[in-house]
Amino acid sequence: QLQLSTETLAAQTETLRVVQTRYDLGAASR
């Protein structure tokens, strides 16, 4: 369960990075 949670956190963190990049480029909303 800890491994699954860690992998999910990594995926969520990567999604946040992508969304933040798109937001900085004006391609995503706040």
Full PDB file with SEQRES, HELIX, SHEET, SSBOND, CRYST1, ORIGX, SCALE, CONECT and MASTER records, all heavy atoms in Angstrom:
SEQRES   1 A   30  GLN LEU GLN LEU SER THR GLU THR LEU ALA ALA GLN THR          
SEQRES   2 A   30  GLU THR LEU ARG VAL VAL GLN THR ARG TYR ASP LEU GLY          
SEQRES   3 A   30  ALA ALA SER ARG                                              
HELIX    1 AA1 LEU A    2  ASP A   24  1                                  23    
CRYST1    1.000    1.000    1.000  90.00  90.00  90.00 P 1           1          
ORIGX1      1.000000  0.000000  0.000000        0.00000                         
ORIGX2      0.000000  1.000000  0.000000        0.00000                         
ORIGX3      0.000000  0.000000  1.000000        0.00000                         
SCALE1      1.000000  0.000000  0.000000        0.00000                         
SCALE2      0.000000  1.000000  0.000000        0.00000                         
SCALE3      0.000000  0.000000  1.000000        0.00000                         
ATOM      1  N   GLN A   1       0.841  -1.208   0.000  1.00  0.00           N  
ATOM      2  CA  GLN A   1       0.000   0.000   0.000  1.00  0.00           C  
ATOM      3  C   GLN A   1       0.871   1.252   0.000  1.00  0.00           C  
ATOM      4  O   GLN A   1       0.550   2.245  -0.686  1.00  0.00           O  
ATOM      5  CB  GLN A   1      -0.917   0.005   1.228  1.00  0.00           C  
ATOM      6  CG  GLN A   1      -1.989  -1.073   1.232  1.00  0.00           C  
ATOM      7  CD  GLN A   1      -3.167  -0.756   0.322  1.00  0.00           C  
ATOM      8  OE1 GLN A   1      -3.128   0.178  -0.480  1.00  0.00           O  
ATOM      9  NE2 GLN A   1      -4.220  -1.553   0.423  1.00  0.00           N  
ATOM     10  N   LEU A   2       1.978   1.218   0.737  1.00  0.00           N  
ATOM     11  CA  LEU A   2       2.892   2.363   0.751  1.00  0.00           C  
ATOM     12  C   LEU A   2       3.517   2.564  -0.624  1.00  0.00           C  
ATOM     13  O   LEU A   2       3.644   3.702  -1.104  1.00  0.00           O  
ATOM     14  CB  LEU A   2       3.981   2.142   1.804  1.00  0.00           C  
ATOM     15  CG  LEU A   2       5.068   3.219   1.883  1.00  0.00           C  
ATOM     16  CD1 LEU A   2       4.465   4.599   2.147  1.00  0.00           C  
ATOM     17  CD2 LEU A   2       6.097   2.862   2.949  1.00  0.00           C  
ATOM     18  N   GLN A   3       3.899   1.462  -1.261  1.00  0.00           N  
ATOM     19  CA  GLN A   3       4.463   1.572  -2.608  1.00  0.00           C  
ATOM     20  C   GLN A   3       3.448   2.147  -3.588  1.00  0.00           C  
ATOM     21  O   GLN A   3       3.773   3.008  -4.411  1.00  0.00           O  
ATOM     22  CB  GLN A   3       4.929   0.189  -3.086  1.00  0.00           C  
ATOM     23  CG  GLN A   3       5.576   0.205  -4.464  1.00  0.00           C  
ATOM     24  CD  GLN A   3       6.022  -1.190  -4.899  1.00  0.00           C  
ATOM     25  OE1 GLN A   3       5.862  -2.150  -4.166  1.00  0.00           O  
ATOM     26  NE2 GLN A   3       6.585  -1.275  -6.093  1.00  0.00           N  
ATOM     27  N   LEU A   4       2.203   1.688  -3.494  1.00  0.00           N  
ATOM     28  CA  LEU A   4       1.142   2.195  -4.368  1.00  0.00           C  
ATOM     29  C   LEU A   4       0.902   3.679  -4.117  1.00  0.00           C  
ATOM     30  O   LEU A   4       0.756   4.471  -5.059  1.00  0.00           O  
ATOM     31  CB  LEU A   4      -0.149   1.400  -4.134  1.00  0.00           C  
ATOM     32  CG  LEU A   4      -1.392   1.867  -4.889  1.00  0.00           C  
ATOM     33  CD1 LEU A   4      -1.180   1.770  -6.400  1.00  0.00           C  
ATOM     34  CD2 LEU A   4      -2.616   1.057  -4.459  1.00  0.00           C  
ATOM     35  N   SER A   5       0.888   4.072  -2.845  1.00  0.00           N  
ATOM     36  CA  SER A   5       0.678   5.489  -2.510  1.00  0.00           C  
ATOM     37  C   SER A   5       1.834   6.345  -3.004  1.00  0.00           C  
ATOM     38  O   SER A   5       1.626   7.472  -3.493  1.00  0.00           O  
ATOM     39  CB  SER A   5       0.517   5.645  -0.990  1.00  0.00           C  
ATOM     40  OG  SER A   5      -0.631   4.963  -0.517  1.00  0.00           O  
ATOM     41  N   THR A   6       3.048   5.813  -2.889  1.00  0.00           N  
ATOM     42  CA  THR A   6       4.225   6.552  -3.355  1.00  0.00           C  
ATOM     43  C   THR A   6       4.191   6.726  -4.875  1.00  0.00           C  
ATOM     44  O   THR A   6       4.508   7.814  -5.395  1.00  0.00           O  
ATOM     45  CB  THR A   6       5.506   5.817  -2.942  1.00  0.00           C  
ATOM     46  OG1 THR A   6       5.514   5.652  -1.515  1.00  0.00           O  
ATOM     47  CG2 THR A   6       6.739   6.598  -3.357  1.00  0.00           C  
ATOM     48  N   GLU A   7       3.827   5.666  -5.573  1.00  0.00           N  
ATOM     49  CA  GLU A   7       3.729   5.758  -7.038  1.00  0.00           C  
ATOM     50  C   GLU A   7       2.631   6.735  -7.455  1.00  0.00           C  
ATOM     51  O   GLU A   7       2.799   7.508  -8.422  1.00  0.00           O  
ATOM     52  CB  GLU A   7       3.442   4.373  -7.618  1.00  0.00           C  
ATOM     53  CG  GLU A   7       4.615   3.402  -7.487  1.00  0.00           C  
ATOM     54  CD  GLU A   7       4.250   1.993  -7.912  1.00  0.00           C  
ATOM     55  OE1 GLU A   7       3.044   1.760  -8.194  1.00  0.00           O  
ATOM     56  OE2 GLU A   7       5.151   1.134  -7.954  1.00  0.00           O  
ATOM     57  N   THR A   8       1.521   6.725  -6.735  1.00  0.00           N  
ATOM     58  CA  THR A   8       0.433   7.660  -7.049  1.00  0.00           C  
ATOM     59  C   THR A   8       0.862   9.090  -6.781  1.00  0.00           C  
ATOM     60  O   THR A   8       0.549  10.011  -7.560  1.00  0.00           O  
ATOM     61  CB  THR A   8      -0.818   7.320  -6.211  1.00  0.00           C  
ATOM     62  OG1 THR A   8      -1.207   5.971  -6.490  1.00  0.00           O  
ATOM     63  CG2 THR A   8      -1.971   8.246  -6.549  1.00  0.00           C  
ATOM     64  N   LEU A   9       1.599   9.308  -5.688  1.00  0.00           N  
ATOM     65  CA  LEU A   9       2.103  10.652  -5.386  1.00  0.00           C  
ATOM     66  C   LEU A   9       3.043  11.126  -6.497  1.00  0.00           C  
ATOM     67  O   LEU A   9       2.980  12.296  -6.917  1.00  0.00           O  
ATOM     68  CB  LEU A   9       2.825  10.648  -4.044  1.00  0.00           C  
ATOM     69  CG  LEU A   9       3.541  11.951  -3.662  1.00  0.00           C  
ATOM     70  CD1 LEU A   9       2.563  13.130  -3.604  1.00  0.00           C  
ATOM     71  CD2 LEU A   9       4.282  11.788  -2.332  1.00  0.00           C  
ATOM     72  N   ALA A  10       3.899  10.211  -6.967  1.00  0.00           N  
ATOM     73  CA  ALA A  10       4.814  10.585  -8.047  1.00  0.00           C  
ATOM     74  C   ALA A  10       4.037  10.978  -9.302  1.00  0.00           C  
ATOM     75  O   ALA A  10       4.372  11.970  -9.984  1.00  0.00           O  
ATOM     76  CB  ALA A  10       5.773   9.442  -8.345  1.00  0.00           C  
ATOM     77  N   ALA A  11       2.979  10.229  -9.605  1.00  0.00           N  
ATOM     78  CA  ALA A  11       2.165  10.551 -10.785  1.00  0.00           C  
ATOM     79  C   ALA A  11       1.437  11.877 -10.610  1.00  0.00           C  
ATOM     80  O   ALA A  11       1.364  12.691 -11.551  1.00  0.00           O  
ATOM     81  CB  ALA A  11       1.160   9.422 -11.033  1.00  0.00           C  
ATOM     82  N   GLN A  12       0.913  12.112  -9.426  1.00  0.00           N  
ATOM     83  CA  GLN A  12       0.214  13.372  -9.159  1.00  0.00           C  
ATOM     84  C   GLN A  12       1.181  14.557  -9.215  1.00  0.00           C  
ATOM     85  O   GLN A  12       0.832  15.639  -9.710  1.00  0.00           O  
ATOM     86  CB  GLN A  12      -0.473  13.315  -7.779  1.00  0.00           C  
ATOM     87  CG  GLN A  12      -1.537  12.243  -7.643  1.00  0.00           C  
ATOM     88  CD  GLN A  12      -2.822  12.594  -8.366  1.00  0.00           C  
ATOM     89  OE1 GLN A  12      -2.815  13.222  -9.429  1.00  0.00           O  
ATOM     90  NE2 GLN A  12      -3.947  12.178  -7.805  1.00  0.00           N  
ATOM     91  N   THR A  13       2.376  14.341  -8.702  1.00  0.00           N  
ATOM     92  CA  THR A  13       3.382  15.407  -8.732  1.00  0.00           C  
ATOM     93  C   THR A  13       3.768  15.744 -10.165  1.00  0.00           C  
ATOM     94  O   THR A  13       3.938  16.925 -10.536  1.00  0.00           O  
ATOM     95  CB  THR A  13       4.627  14.982  -7.932  1.00  0.00           C  
ATOM     96  OG1 THR A  13       4.239  14.672  -6.581  1.00  0.00           O  
ATOM     97  CG2 THR A  13       5.662  16.094  -7.908  1.00  0.00           C  
ATOM     98  N   GLU A  14       3.929  14.716 -10.997  1.00  0.00           N  
ATOM     99  CA  GLU A  14       4.252  14.934 -12.403  1.00  0.00           C  
ATOM    100  C   GLU A  14       3.109  15.671 -13.114  1.00  0.00           C  
ATOM    101  O   GLU A  14       3.347  16.572 -13.929  1.00  0.00           O  
ATOM    102  CB  GLU A  14       4.537  13.596 -13.089  1.00  0.00           C  
ATOM    103  CG  GLU A  14       4.766  13.677 -14.593  1.00  0.00           C  
ATOM    104  CD  GLU A  14       5.970  14.538 -14.968  1.00  0.00           C  
ATOM    105  OE1 GLU A  14       6.827  14.807 -14.089  1.00  0.00           O  
ATOM    106  OE2 GLU A  14       6.055  14.946 -16.151  1.00  0.00           O  
ATOM    107  N   THR A  15       1.872  15.299 -12.775  1.00  0.00           N  
ATOM    108  CA  THR A  15       0.717  15.993 -13.371  1.00  0.00           C  
ATOM    109  C   THR A  15       0.715  17.457 -12.972  1.00  0.00           C  
ATOM    110  O   THR A  15       0.459  18.352 -13.791  1.00  0.00           O  
ATOM    111  CB  THR A  15      -0.590  15.328 -12.927  1.00  0.00           C  
ATOM    112  OG1 THR A  15      -0.601  13.969 -13.387  1.00  0.00           O  
ATOM    113  CG2 THR A  15      -1.801  16.058 -13.493  1.00  0.00           C  
ATOM    114  N   LEU A  16       1.016  17.732 -11.713  1.00  0.00           N  
ATOM    115  CA  LEU A  16       1.069  19.132 -11.254  1.00  0.00           C  
ATOM    116  C   LEU A  16       2.158  19.894 -12.002  1.00  0.00           C  
ATOM    117  O   LEU A  16       1.959  21.068 -12.376  1.00  0.00           O  
ATOM    118  CB  LEU A  16       1.329  19.180  -9.743  1.00  0.00           C  
ATOM    119  CG  LEU A  16       1.536  20.579  -9.142  1.00  0.00           C  
ATOM    120  CD1 LEU A  16       0.313  21.470  -9.391  1.00  0.00           C  
ATOM    121  CD2 LEU A  16       1.863  20.486  -7.657  1.00  0.00           C  
ATOM    122  N   ARG A  17       3.289  19.256 -12.241  1.00  0.00           N  
ATOM    123  CA  ARG A  17       4.367  19.917 -12.965  1.00  0.00           C  
ATOM    124  C   ARG A  17       3.922  20.286 -14.387  1.00  0.00           C  
ATOM    125  O   ARG A  17       4.163  21.403 -14.869  1.00  0.00           O  
ATOM    126  CB  ARG A  17       5.598  19.015 -13.025  1.00  0.00           C  
ATOM    127  CG  ARG A  17       6.838  19.691 -13.648  1.00  0.00           C  
ATOM    128  CD  ARG A  17       7.916  18.661 -13.929  1.00  0.00           C  
ATOM    129  NE  ARG A  17       7.492  17.735 -14.985  1.00  0.00           N  
ATOM    130  CZ  ARG A  17       7.513  18.043 -16.287  1.00  0.00           C  
ATOM    131  NH1 ARG A  17       7.908  19.244 -16.711  1.00  0.00           N  
ATOM    132  NH2 ARG A  17       7.126  17.139 -17.174  1.00  0.00           N  
ATOM    133  N   VAL A  18       3.253  19.317 -15.027  1.00  0.00           N  
ATOM    134  CA  VAL A  18       2.789  19.566 -16.399  1.00  0.00           C  
ATOM    135  C   VAL A  18       1.744  20.676 -16.415  1.00  0.00           C  
ATOM    136  O   VAL A  18       1.780  21.590 -17.273  1.00  0.00           O  
ATOM    137  CB  VAL A  18       2.217  18.267 -17.007  1.00  0.00           C  
ATOM    138  CG1 VAL A  18       1.554  18.561 -18.358  1.00  0.00           C  
ATOM    139  CG2 VAL A  18       3.313  17.225 -17.167  1.00  0.00           C  
ATOM    140  N   VAL A  19       0.815  20.621 -15.496  1.00  0.00           N  
ATOM    141  CA  VAL A  19      -0.256  21.633 -15.445  1.00  0.00           C  
ATOM    142  C   VAL A  19       0.326  23.005 -15.142  1.00  0.00           C  
ATOM    143  O   VAL A  19      -0.081  24.027 -15.740  1.00  0.00           O  
ATOM    144  CB  VAL A  19      -1.310  21.243 -14.387  1.00  0.00           C  
ATOM    145  CG1 VAL A  19      -2.305  22.385 -14.168  1.00  0.00           C  
ATOM    146  CG2 VAL A  19      -2.039  19.982 -14.806  1.00  0.00           C  
ATOM    147  N   GLN A  20       1.304  23.058 -14.230  1.00  0.00           N  
ATOM    148  CA  GLN A  20       1.917  24.332 -13.897  1.00  0.00           C  
ATOM    149  C   GLN A  20       2.642  24.909 -15.117  1.00  0.00           C  
ATOM    150  O   GLN A  20       2.577  26.127 -15.374  1.00  0.00           O  
ATOM    151  CB  GLN A  20       2.901  24.146 -12.742  1.00  0.00           C  
ATOM    152  CG  GLN A  20       3.521  25.440 -12.226  1.00  0.00           C  
ATOM    153  CD  GLN A  20       2.492  26.377 -11.603  1.00  0.00           C  
ATOM    154  OE1 GLN A  20       1.741  25.977 -10.731  1.00  0.00           O  
ATOM    155  NE2 GLN A  20       2.453  27.639 -12.065  1.00  0.00           N  
ATOM    156  N   THR A  21       3.298  24.032 -15.881  1.00  0.00           N  
ATOM    157  CA  THR A  21       3.982  24.488 -17.089  1.00  0.00           C  
ATOM    158  C   THR A  21       2.981  25.029 -18.097  1.00  0.00           C  
ATOM    159  O   THR A  21       3.187  26.100 -18.716  1.00  0.00           O  
ATOM    160  CB  THR A  21       4.786  23.337 -17.706  1.00  0.00           C  
ATOM    161  OG1 THR A  21       5.757  22.871 -16.756  1.00  0.00           O  
ATOM    162  CG2 THR A  21       5.504  23.790 -18.972  1.00  0.00           C  
ATOM    163  N   ARG A  22       1.895  24.308 -18.279  1.00  0.00           N  
ATOM    164  CA  ARG A  22       0.872  24.752 -19.218  1.00  0.00           C  
ATOM    165  C   ARG A  22       0.213  26.058 -18.758  1.00  0.00           C  
ATOM    166  O   ARG A  22      -0.126  26.921 -19.555  1.00  0.00           O  
ATOM    167  CB  ARG A  22      -0.194  23.657 -19.385  1.00  0.00           C  
ATOM    168  CG  ARG A  22       0.342  22.392 -20.051  1.00  0.00           C  
ATOM    169  CD  ARG A  22      -0.772  21.386 -20.287  1.00  0.00           C  
ATOM    170  NE  ARG A  22      -1.773  21.942 -21.204  1.00  0.00           N  
ATOM    171  CZ  ARG A  22      -2.890  21.327 -21.552  1.00  0.00           C  
ATOM    172  NH1 ARG A  22      -3.150  20.124 -21.042  1.00  0.00           N  
ATOM    173  NH2 ARG A  22      -3.756  21.901 -22.371  1.00  0.00           N  
ATOM    174  N   TYR A  23       0.064  26.167 -17.427  1.00  0.00           N  
ATOM    175  CA  TYR A  23      -0.522  27.398 -16.887  1.00  0.00           C  
ATOM    176  C   TYR A  23       0.402  28.582 -17.145  1.00  0.00           C  
ATOM    177  O   TYR A  23      -0.057  29.675 -17.513  1.00  0.00           O  
ATOM    178  CB  TYR A  23      -0.779  27.231 -15.393  1.00  0.00           C  
ATOM    179  CG  TYR A  23      -1.271  28.490 -14.715  1.00  0.00           C  
ATOM    180  CD1 TYR A  23      -2.586  28.935 -14.891  1.00  0.00           C  
ATOM    181  CD2 TYR A  23      -0.409  29.241 -13.906  1.00  0.00           C  
ATOM    182  CE1 TYR A  23      -3.024  30.097 -14.278  1.00  0.00           C  
ATOM    183  CE2 TYR A  23      -0.850  30.396 -13.288  1.00  0.00           C  
ATOM    184  CZ  TYR A  23      -2.162  30.821 -13.469  1.00  0.00           C  
ATOM    185  OH  TYR A  23      -2.600  31.975 -12.856  1.00  0.00           O  
ATOM    186  N   ASP A  24       1.702  28.344 -16.952  1.00  0.00           N  
ATOM    187  CA  ASP A  24       2.671  29.424 -17.203  1.00  0.00           C  
ATOM    188  C   ASP A  24       2.673  29.849 -18.674  1.00  0.00           C  
ATOM    189  O   ASP A  24       2.950  31.003 -18.986  1.00  0.00           O  
ATOM    190  CB  ASP A  24       4.080  28.970 -16.798  1.00  0.00           C  
ATOM    191  CG  ASP A  24       4.191  28.752 -15.291  1.00  0.00           C  
ATOM    192  OD1 ASP A  24       3.338  29.294 -14.549  1.00  0.00           O  
ATOM    193  OD2 ASP A  24       5.110  28.013 -14.857  1.00  0.00           O  
ATOM    194  N   LEU A  25       2.328  28.875 -19.541  1.00  0.00           N  
ATOM    195  CA  LEU A  25       2.280  29.176 -20.980  1.00  0.00           C  
ATOM    196  C   LEU A  25       0.911  29.689 -21.402  1.00  0.00           C  
ATOM    197  O   LEU A  25       0.695  29.991 -22.586  1.00  0.00           O  
ATOM    198  CB  LEU A  25       2.648  27.934 -21.792  1.00  0.00           C  
ATOM    199  CG  LEU A  25       4.071  27.400 -21.615  1.00  0.00           C  
ATOM    200  CD1 LEU A  25       4.250  26.085 -22.363  1.00  0.00           C  
ATOM    201  CD2 LEU A  25       5.094  28.424 -22.078  1.00  0.00           C  
ATOM    202  N   GLY A  26      -0.020  29.722 -20.456  1.00  0.00           N  
ATOM    203  CA  GLY A  26      -1.355  30.217 -20.761  1.00  0.00           C  
ATOM    204  C   GLY A  26      -2.261  29.184 -21.367  1.00  0.00           C  
ATOM    205  O   GLY A  26      -3.339  29.513 -21.869  1.00  0.00           O  
ATOM    206  N   ALA A  27      -1.821  27.873 -21.302  1.00  0.00           N  
ATOM    207  CA  ALA A  27      -2.628  26.807 -21.899  1.00  0.00           C  
ATOM    208  C   ALA A  27      -3.506  26.089 -20.886  1.00  0.00           C  
ATOM    209  O   ALA A  27      -4.252  25.180 -21.249  1.00  0.00           O  
ATOM    210  CB  ALA A  27      -1.718  25.793 -22.586  1.00  0.00           C  
ATOM    211  N   ALA A  28      -3.406  26.456 -19.610  1.00  0.00           N  
ATOM    212  CA  ALA A  28      -4.220  25.830 -18.571  1.00  0.00           C  
ATOM    213  C   ALA A  28      -4.742  26.910 -17.635  1.00  0.00           C  
ATOM    214  O   ALA A  28      -4.145  27.993 -17.512  1.00  0.00           O  
ATOM    215  CB  ALA A  28      -3.408  24.807 -17.790  1.00  0.00           C  
ATOM    216  N   SER A  29      -5.848  26.601 -16.981  1.00  0.00           N  
ATOM    217  CA  SER A  29      -6.464  27.573 -16.075  1.00  0.00           C  
ATOM    218  C   SER A  29      -5.949  27.401 -14.654  1.00  0.00           C  
ATOM    219  O   SER A  29      -5.338  26.375 -14.297  1.00  0.00           O  
ATOM    220  CB  SER A  29      -7.992  27.386 -16.086  1.00  0.00           C  
ATOM    221  OG  SER A  29      -8.336  26.140 -15.517  1.00  0.00           O  
ATOM    222  N   ARG A  30      -6.225  28.428 -13.854  1.00  0.00           N  
ATOM    223  CA  ARG A  30      -5.850  28.377 -12.444  1.00  0.00           C  
ATOM    224  C   ARG A  30      -6.605  27.255 -11.722  1.00  0.00           C  
ATOM    225  O   ARG A  30      -6.082  26.628 -10.796  1.00  0.00           O  
ATOM    226  CB  ARG A  30      -6.153  29.725 -11.792  1.00  0.00           C  
ATOM    227  CG  ARG A  30      -5.856  29.799 -10.306  1.00  0.00           C  
ATOM    228  CD  ARG A  30      -4.397  29.514 -10.007  1.00  0.00           C  
ATOM    229  NE  ARG A  30      -4.143  29.492  -8.569  1.00  0.00           N  
ATOM    230  CZ  ARG A  30      -3.025  29.061  -8.019  1.00  0.00           C  
ATOM    231  NH1 ARG A  30      -2.044  28.589  -8.798  1.00  0.00           N  
ATOM    232  NH2 ARG A  30      -2.857  29.077  -6.714  1.00  0.00           N  
TER     233      ARG A  30                                                      
MASTER        0    0    0    1    0    0    0    6  232    1    0    3          
END                                                                             
